[in-house]
Amino acid sequence: DQTAVLLGGRKPAGCYWLDDAGRFVTSTYYTEGLPAWVLVFAKSHPPLRFKERAWRAVDAAQGAPPLRVVNGKEAYLASPFALDEELEFAREALVGEQLGQGAASDLLVVSLSPFYLLGLETGAESPLMRDMVLRLDRQLEDFFSWLDARLGADKVWIAFTATQGLAELPETAKAEWIRAGRVPGEAIVAAVNARLADAFGRNSYVEKYVFPYLYLRRDAVKKLPEPITSEMLRLAGEAALGVGGVAGYLAPNGPSSFQAPETARQLGRCWFPERAGDVLIAYQPYYIELYGDGRGVAPGSFYSYDTRVPLLLYGAAFRAEVFEQPVSPADLAATLASALQISPPSSSTGHVLADCLKER
């Protein structure tokens, strides 16, 4: 739902996603029932048809073993078969909603979540991810060609970007002589509890630690003369900093171990007061949380492998050129609004990328 709010307004005409069973669903927030075209699609595209499907590499030799056998909903949702379904669904949405047929501009947002889910599981450099990149390139070529044929290239604008990148698995990075590892969250909790107990009296001060946020117990600190002080946050952060793999800490409007102002600003933009914890913990490059069976990676670092993402614009409103200056995906909304000659969203913080726009 948050994606819909960010990309399609507070209540778009429709919002659909794959559930855990691989079916396209919606919420009563958007509509009381699925429209006819979605029901038709669901009937003709049952997800169970992919059960035990072999995922073979692009251009694999005949008889080559599969990269993976899709067995279970998690494997399906992180497979090229789910990616195919999303783009096929996007075609049906464009036809079913008659997008591009009226006088006003229509917005179609496609979130390629299988790519993200696979990356979380296998890291950025796995053979499965390399194959997904090749497949995505071909799938997008087919999809864009279909858009050109249906609507005309002069009537379609395309924006392509990402929310974040992903790291390699620490085990893969180590094989390449890169310092990497996994940080046990319970070690951070133990270190913070011990430091705060020494300073303020024996107690359990940490409510929970869910990377990257450390939450302190209100019922423990409210008994102190001053509940949560800047000094308490500093001690909690310093204690976490003593755990191997931790790079630094930041508290909102409070202490920070980061000397570079831009790093503090970058991490500060992650803060959402109603949900964020009391202290943000940042790890060193290629260090991630130790969880589950030790597999997988997590997004959310401030390093280039996680923050550098593509921002591609195509269409009659844009100049065909490569621009080297730093930009942000947040600039997309303001730039599209300028190209459409409408006001940007009221909460937009991005800048208009004027250099990429053609003169009107």
Protein backbone atom coordinates (compact mmCIF):
# COMPACT_ATOMS: atom_id res chain seq x y z
CA ASP A 1 0.00 0.00 0.00
CA GLN A 2 2.86 2.41 0.72
CA THR A 3 4.16 1.87 -2.80
CA ALA A 4 0.77 2.84 -4.15
CA VAL A 5 0.70 6.03 -2.08
CA LEU A 6 4.18 7.01 -3.23
CA LEU A 7 3.69 6.29 -6.91
CA GLY A 8 -0.01 6.50 -7.66
CA GLY A 9 -1.52 8.96 -5.21
CA ARG A 10 -3.50 8.23 -2.08
CA LYS A 11 -6.14 6.26 -3.95
CA PRO A 12 -5.17 5.16 -7.45
CA ALA A 13 -7.73 3.67 -9.83
CA GLY A 14 -6.34 0.24 -9.05
CA CYS A 15 -3.55 -1.41 -7.09
CA TYR A 16 -2.74 -5.12 -7.38
CA TRP A 17 0.02 -7.36 -6.06
CA LEU A 18 1.02 -11.00 -5.82
CA ASP A 19 0.03 -12.64 -2.55
CA ASP A 20 1.90 -15.50 -0.89
CA ALA A 21 0.09 -17.99 -3.12
CA GLY A 22 1.20 -16.18 -6.28
CA ARG A 23 -2.25 -14.74 -7.08
CA PHE A 24 -2.96 -11.14 -7.96
CA VAL A 25 -5.08 -9.54 -5.24
CA THR A 26 -6.11 -6.08 -4.06
CA SER A 27 -7.59 -4.48 -0.94
CA THR A 28 -11.03 -3.12 -0.14
CA TYR A 29 -9.25 0.22 0.33
CA TYR A 30 -9.12 0.41 -3.48
CA THR A 31 -12.16 -1.55 -4.58
CA GLU A 32 -14.76 -3.93 -3.17
CA GLY A 33 -13.93 -6.61 -5.71
CA LEU A 34 -11.54 -7.46 -8.49
CA PRO A 35 -12.54 -6.06 -11.90
CA ALA A 36 -13.53 -8.47 -14.65
CA TRP A 37 -10.21 -8.29 -16.49
CA VAL A 38 -8.31 -9.32 -13.32
CA LEU A 39 -10.65 -12.28 -12.76
CA VAL A 40 -10.14 -13.41 -16.34
CA PHE A 41 -6.38 -13.12 -15.96
CA ALA A 42 -6.41 -15.06 -12.68
CA LYS A 43 -8.42 -17.89 -14.23
CA SER A 44 -6.08 -18.23 -17.18
CA HIS A 45 -2.87 -17.83 -15.14
CA PRO A 46 -3.07 -20.19 -12.14
CA PRO A 47 0.25 -19.96 -10.24
CA LEU A 48 0.32 -23.69 -9.48
CA ARG A 49 1.18 -24.35 -13.12
CA PHE A 50 4.76 -23.37 -12.23
CA LYS A 51 5.11 -26.03 -9.53
CA GLU A 52 8.26 -28.08 -10.09
CA ARG A 53 9.13 -25.92 -13.14
CA ALA A 54 12.81 -26.03 -14.05
CA TRP A 55 14.51 -22.65 -14.24
CA ARG A 56 17.15 -22.99 -16.92
CA ALA A 57 19.77 -20.40 -17.77
CA VAL A 58 19.28 -18.18 -20.79
CA ASP A 59 20.71 -19.90 -23.87
CA ALA A 60 21.65 -22.99 -21.84
CA ALA A 61 22.84 -25.97 -23.82
CA GLN A 62 20.31 -28.71 -24.36
CA GLY A 63 20.37 -31.10 -21.45
CA ALA A 64 22.10 -28.66 -19.11
CA PRO A 65 20.92 -28.95 -15.50
CA PRO A 66 18.52 -26.25 -14.30
CA LEU A 67 19.72 -23.40 -12.13
CA ARG A 68 16.82 -24.14 -9.78
CA VAL A 69 13.59 -26.10 -9.62
CA VAL A 70 10.77 -23.82 -8.54
CA ASN A 71 9.23 -25.67 -5.61
CA GLY A 72 7.12 -23.63 -3.21
CA LYS A 73 5.65 -20.14 -3.19
CA GLU A 74 8.86 -18.41 -2.05
CA ALA A 75 10.83 -19.85 -4.94
CA TYR A 76 8.07 -18.91 -7.38
CA LEU A 77 7.79 -15.30 -6.16
CA ALA A 78 11.56 -14.92 -6.64
CA SER A 79 11.66 -16.49 -10.10
CA PRO A 80 11.58 -15.29 -13.72
CA PHE A 81 8.16 -16.95 -14.03
CA ALA A 82 6.72 -14.43 -11.54
CA LEU A 83 8.53 -11.66 -13.44
CA ASP A 84 6.83 -12.83 -16.64
CA GLU A 85 3.49 -12.80 -14.84
CA GLU A 86 3.94 -9.21 -13.64
CA LEU A 87 4.68 -7.86 -17.11
CA GLU A 88 1.86 -9.91 -18.63
CA PHE A 89 -0.44 -8.53 -15.95
CA ALA A 90 0.77 -5.01 -16.80
CA ARG A 91 -0.28 -5.58 -20.42
CA GLU A 92 -3.71 -6.73 -19.29
CA ALA A 93 -4.01 -3.73 -16.96
CA LEU A 94 -3.24 -1.33 -19.77
CA VAL A 95 -5.91 -2.92 -21.96
CA GLY A 96 -8.48 -3.54 -19.22
CA GLU A 97 -8.25 -0.01 -17.81
CA GLN A 98 -8.00 1.54 -21.30
CA LEU A 99 -4.86 3.41 -20.35
CA GLY A 100 -3.57 5.88 -22.89
CA GLN A 101 -6.93 6.18 -24.62
CA GLY A 102 -8.14 9.46 -23.11
CA ALA A 103 -7.09 13.09 -23.23
CA ALA A 104 -5.43 13.02 -19.80
CA SER A 105 -2.15 11.29 -18.98
CA ASP A 106 -2.32 7.90 -17.27
CA LEU A 107 0.27 6.46 -14.91
CA LEU A 108 1.08 2.74 -14.81
CA VAL A 109 3.55 1.65 -12.11
CA VAL A 110 5.11 -1.82 -12.25
CA SER A 111 7.17 -2.93 -9.26
CA LEU A 112 9.43 -5.80 -10.30
CA SER A 113 9.44 -7.48 -6.90
CA PRO A 114 10.73 -10.95 -7.99
CA PHE A 115 14.07 -9.31 -8.78
CA TYR A 116 14.23 -7.80 -5.29
CA LEU A 117 13.16 -11.00 -3.51
CA LEU A 118 15.76 -13.09 -5.31
CA GLY A 119 18.46 -10.55 -4.50
CA LEU A 120 17.61 -10.69 -0.80
CA GLU A 121 17.97 -14.46 -0.86
CA THR A 122 21.08 -14.94 -2.99
CA GLY A 123 22.92 -11.62 -2.95
CA ALA A 124 23.80 -9.46 -5.92
CA GLU A 125 26.37 -11.67 -7.61
CA SER A 126 24.74 -15.11 -7.72
CA PRO A 127 24.31 -17.05 -11.00
CA LEU A 128 20.55 -16.79 -10.46
CA MET A 129 20.73 -12.98 -10.29
CA ARG A 130 22.89 -12.81 -13.42
CA ASP A 131 20.35 -14.90 -15.28
CA MET A 132 17.49 -12.70 -14.00
CA VAL A 133 19.29 -9.62 -15.35
CA LEU A 134 19.55 -11.19 -18.80
CA ARG A 135 15.92 -12.24 -18.68
CA LEU A 136 14.78 -8.82 -17.50
CA ASP A 137 16.60 -7.19 -20.41
CA ARG A 138 14.73 -9.38 -22.91
CA GLN A 139 11.41 -9.08 -21.12
CA LEU A 140 11.59 -5.30 -21.04
CA GLU A 141 12.47 -5.22 -24.74
CA ASP A 142 9.33 -7.24 -25.48
CA PHE A 143 7.19 -5.11 -23.17
CA PHE A 144 8.38 -1.79 -24.56
CA SER A 145 7.97 -3.02 -28.15
CA TRP A 146 4.41 -4.01 -27.29
CA LEU A 147 3.76 -0.53 -25.84
CA ASP A 148 5.13 1.11 -28.99
CA ALA A 149 2.94 -1.04 -31.21
CA ARG A 150 -0.21 -0.43 -29.16
CA LEU A 151 0.11 3.26 -28.28
CA GLY A 152 2.92 4.64 -30.41
CA ALA A 153 6.39 5.54 -29.21
CA ASP A 154 5.55 9.26 -29.23
CA LYS A 155 2.77 8.73 -26.65
CA VAL A 156 4.70 6.70 -24.09
CA TRP A 157 7.16 7.90 -21.46
CA ILE A 158 9.14 5.34 -19.48
CA ALA A 159 10.94 5.86 -16.18
CA PHE A 160 13.12 3.06 -14.80
CA THR A 161 14.69 3.18 -11.34
CA ALA A 162 15.08 1.22 -8.09
CA THR A 163 14.63 1.74 -4.37
CA GLN A 164 18.06 0.37 -3.49
CA GLY A 165 20.84 -1.90 -4.61
CA LEU A 166 22.05 -5.00 -2.83
CA ALA A 167 25.32 -6.37 -1.51
CA GLU A 168 27.01 -9.64 -2.24
CA LEU A 169 26.64 -12.43 0.26
CA PRO A 170 29.35 -12.00 2.91
CA GLU A 171 30.58 -15.48 2.07
CA THR A 172 30.99 -14.47 -1.59
CA ALA A 173 32.71 -11.21 -0.64
CA LYS A 174 35.18 -13.07 1.60
CA ALA A 175 36.12 -15.34 -1.31
CA GLU A 176 37.08 -12.15 -3.17
CA TRP A 177 39.31 -11.00 -0.27
CA ILE A 178 36.78 -8.42 0.91
CA ARG A 179 36.26 -7.97 4.65
CA ALA A 180 32.70 -9.10 5.32
CA GLY A 181 30.60 -10.86 7.90
CA ARG A 182 27.32 -11.22 9.76
CA VAL A 183 26.47 -9.33 12.93
CA PRO A 184 24.44 -11.15 15.63
CA GLY A 185 21.71 -8.82 16.84
CA GLU A 186 21.66 -10.45 20.27
CA ALA A 187 25.28 -9.34 20.77
CA ILE A 188 24.23 -5.71 20.24
CA VAL A 189 21.32 -6.10 22.68
CA ALA A 190 23.60 -7.65 25.31
CA ALA A 191 26.25 -4.94 24.91
CA VAL A 192 23.71 -2.10 25.19
CA ASN A 193 21.96 -3.64 28.20
CA ALA A 194 25.28 -4.11 29.97
CA ARG A 195 26.46 -0.54 29.33
CA LEU A 196 23.16 1.04 30.40
CA ALA A 197 22.96 -1.18 33.49
CA ASP A 198 26.42 0.01 34.57
CA ALA A 199 25.37 3.63 34.13
CA PHE A 200 21.78 3.65 35.38
CA GLY A 201 21.27 0.57 37.50
CA ARG A 202 20.60 -3.09 36.96
CA ASN A 203 17.72 -3.55 34.50
CA SER A 204 16.86 -4.65 30.97
CA TYR A 205 16.78 -1.50 28.86
CA VAL A 206 16.39 -2.80 25.30
CA GLU A 207 12.88 -3.58 24.11
CA LYS A 208 14.05 -4.99 20.78
CA TYR A 209 16.60 -4.62 18.03
CA VAL A 210 15.35 -4.90 14.45
CA PHE A 211 18.07 -3.78 12.07
CA PRO A 212 18.81 -0.95 11.82
CA TYR A 213 16.79 0.33 14.80
CA LEU A 214 17.39 -0.17 18.50
CA TYR A 215 14.27 0.38 20.66
CA LEU A 216 14.60 1.20 24.36
CA ARG A 217 12.02 0.13 26.94
CA ARG A 218 9.87 3.03 28.11
CA ASP A 219 8.84 1.19 31.28
CA ALA A 220 12.51 0.81 32.26
CA VAL A 221 13.69 4.35 31.59
CA LYS A 222 10.63 6.17 32.94
CA LYS A 223 11.77 5.30 36.47
CA LEU A 224 14.91 7.35 35.98
CA PRO A 225 15.06 11.06 36.93
CA GLU A 226 15.33 11.89 33.23
CA PRO A 227 13.92 9.15 30.96
CA ILE A 228 15.71 8.97 27.60
CA THR A 229 18.51 11.51 27.52
CA SER A 230 21.13 12.31 24.94
CA GLU A 231 23.68 10.69 27.25
CA MET A 232 21.69 7.44 27.37
CA LEU A 233 21.46 7.36 23.58
CA ARG A 234 25.19 8.03 23.30
CA LEU A 235 26.02 5.21 25.70
CA ALA A 236 23.71 2.82 23.82
CA GLY A 237 25.34 3.75 20.53
CA GLU A 238 28.87 3.47 21.89
CA ALA A 239 28.05 0.04 23.31
CA ALA A 240 26.77 -1.13 19.91
CA LEU A 241 29.89 0.29 18.29
CA GLY A 242 31.95 -2.16 20.31
CA VAL A 243 30.37 -5.15 18.53
CA GLY A 244 32.37 -6.43 15.57
CA GLY A 245 31.00 -5.28 12.21
CA VAL A 246 29.24 -2.15 13.54
CA ALA A 247 30.37 1.05 11.81
CA GLY A 248 28.48 3.70 13.77
CA TYR A 249 25.25 4.97 15.27
CA LEU A 250 22.88 7.89 14.94
CA ALA A 251 20.04 9.16 17.13
CA PRO A 252 17.39 11.63 15.91
CA ASN A 253 18.31 15.16 17.01
CA GLY A 254 20.89 13.54 19.26
CA PRO A 255 24.38 12.08 19.29
CA SER A 256 26.05 10.51 16.27
CA SER A 257 29.37 8.77 15.72
CA PHE A 258 29.50 9.88 12.09
CA GLN A 259 31.69 12.91 11.45
CA ALA A 260 30.71 13.41 7.80
CA PRO A 261 27.58 15.63 7.70
CA GLU A 262 26.35 14.04 4.48
CA THR A 263 26.43 10.54 6.01
CA ALA A 264 24.39 11.76 8.99
CA ARG A 265 21.91 13.47 6.65
CA GLN A 266 21.66 10.37 4.49
CA LEU A 267 20.93 8.12 7.44
CA GLY A 268 18.62 10.72 8.97
CA ARG A 269 16.37 10.54 5.94
CA CYS A 270 15.58 6.96 6.96
CA TRP A 271 13.83 8.19 10.08
CA PHE A 272 10.06 7.90 10.36
CA PRO A 273 9.13 9.04 13.89
CA GLU A 274 6.09 6.79 14.33
CA ARG A 275 8.02 3.60 13.53
CA ALA A 276 11.74 4.19 13.90
CA GLY A 277 13.60 3.22 17.04
CA ASP A 278 15.68 5.35 19.38
CA VAL A 279 19.10 4.65 17.85
CA LEU A 280 19.99 3.71 14.28
CA ILE A 281 22.84 1.22 14.00
CA ALA A 282 24.91 1.10 10.79
CA TYR A 283 27.19 -1.76 9.81
CA GLN A 284 30.53 -1.75 8.07
CA PRO A 285 30.67 -2.46 4.31
CA TYR A 286 29.54 -5.99 3.41
CA TYR A 287 28.47 -6.73 6.99
CA ILE A 288 24.82 -7.66 7.44
CA GLU A 289 22.53 -9.12 10.06
CA LEU A 290 22.99 -12.71 11.18
CA TYR A 291 19.53 -14.23 10.92
CA GLY A 292 17.75 -17.46 10.00
CA ASP A 293 20.03 -20.01 8.44
CA GLY A 294 22.68 -17.41 7.66
CA ARG A 295 21.68 -16.97 4.04
CA GLY A 296 20.60 -13.82 2.33
CA VAL A 297 21.43 -10.13 2.53
CA ALA A 298 19.61 -7.03 3.74
CA PRO A 299 19.26 -3.57 2.18
CA GLY A 300 19.56 -0.33 4.06
CA SER A 301 23.26 0.55 4.13
CA PHE A 302 24.68 3.91 3.03
CA TYR A 303 27.40 2.39 0.84
CA SER A 304 27.56 2.81 -2.93
CA TYR A 305 26.61 -0.80 -3.71
CA ASP A 306 23.32 -0.15 -1.91
CA THR A 307 22.62 3.48 -2.83
CA ARG A 308 23.68 3.73 -6.48
CA VAL A 309 20.69 2.80 -8.63
CA PRO A 310 19.72 3.49 -12.24
CA LEU A 311 17.51 6.40 -13.20
CA LEU A 312 16.56 6.13 -16.86
CA LEU A 313 14.03 8.31 -18.68
CA TYR A 314 12.74 7.63 -22.16
CA GLY A 315 10.17 9.40 -24.31
CA ALA A 316 9.45 12.43 -26.42
CA ALA A 317 9.85 14.80 -23.44
CA PHE A 318 13.43 13.76 -22.71
CA ARG A 319 16.83 14.32 -24.28
CA ALA A 320 18.85 11.28 -25.38
CA GLU A 321 21.98 11.88 -23.34
CA VAL A 322 23.93 10.56 -20.35
CA PHE A 323 24.25 12.98 -17.43
CA GLU A 324 27.08 12.42 -14.97
CA GLN A 325 25.98 14.58 -12.04
CA PRO A 326 24.52 12.91 -8.93
CA VAL A 327 20.73 12.67 -8.87
CA SER A 328 18.18 10.89 -6.70
CA PRO A 329 15.12 8.73 -7.43
CA ALA A 330 13.29 11.37 -5.40
CA ASP A 331 13.87 13.70 -8.38
CA LEU A 332 11.62 11.54 -10.54
CA ALA A 333 8.27 12.91 -9.31
CA ALA A 334 9.33 16.55 -9.70
CA THR A 335 10.80 15.90 -13.15
CA LEU A 336 7.72 14.07 -14.46
CA ALA A 337 5.48 16.81 -13.05
CA SER A 338 7.54 19.44 -14.86
CA ALA A 339 7.40 17.50 -18.12
CA LEU A 340 3.61 17.22 -17.74
CA GLN A 341 3.41 20.91 -16.81
CA ILE A 342 1.61 20.21 -13.55
CA SER A 343 2.46 20.95 -9.92
CA PRO A 344 4.70 18.42 -8.17
CA PRO A 345 3.30 16.40 -5.26
CA SER A 346 2.89 18.54 -2.14
CA SER A 347 5.41 16.50 -0.13
CA SER A 348 7.93 16.10 -2.96
CA THR A 349 11.52 16.76 -1.91
CA GLY A 350 13.18 16.06 -5.25
CA HIS A 351 14.51 18.51 -7.82
CA VAL A 352 13.52 18.94 -11.46
CA LEU A 353 16.22 17.40 -13.67
CA ALA A 354 15.98 20.26 -16.14
CA ASP A 355 19.00 19.20 -18.18
CA CYS A 356 17.27 16.01 -19.33
CA LEU A 357 14.08 17.78 -20.48
CA LYS A 358 13.66 18.95 -24.05
CA GLU A 359 12.77 22.58 -24.58
CA ARG A 360 9.06 23.02 -25.05
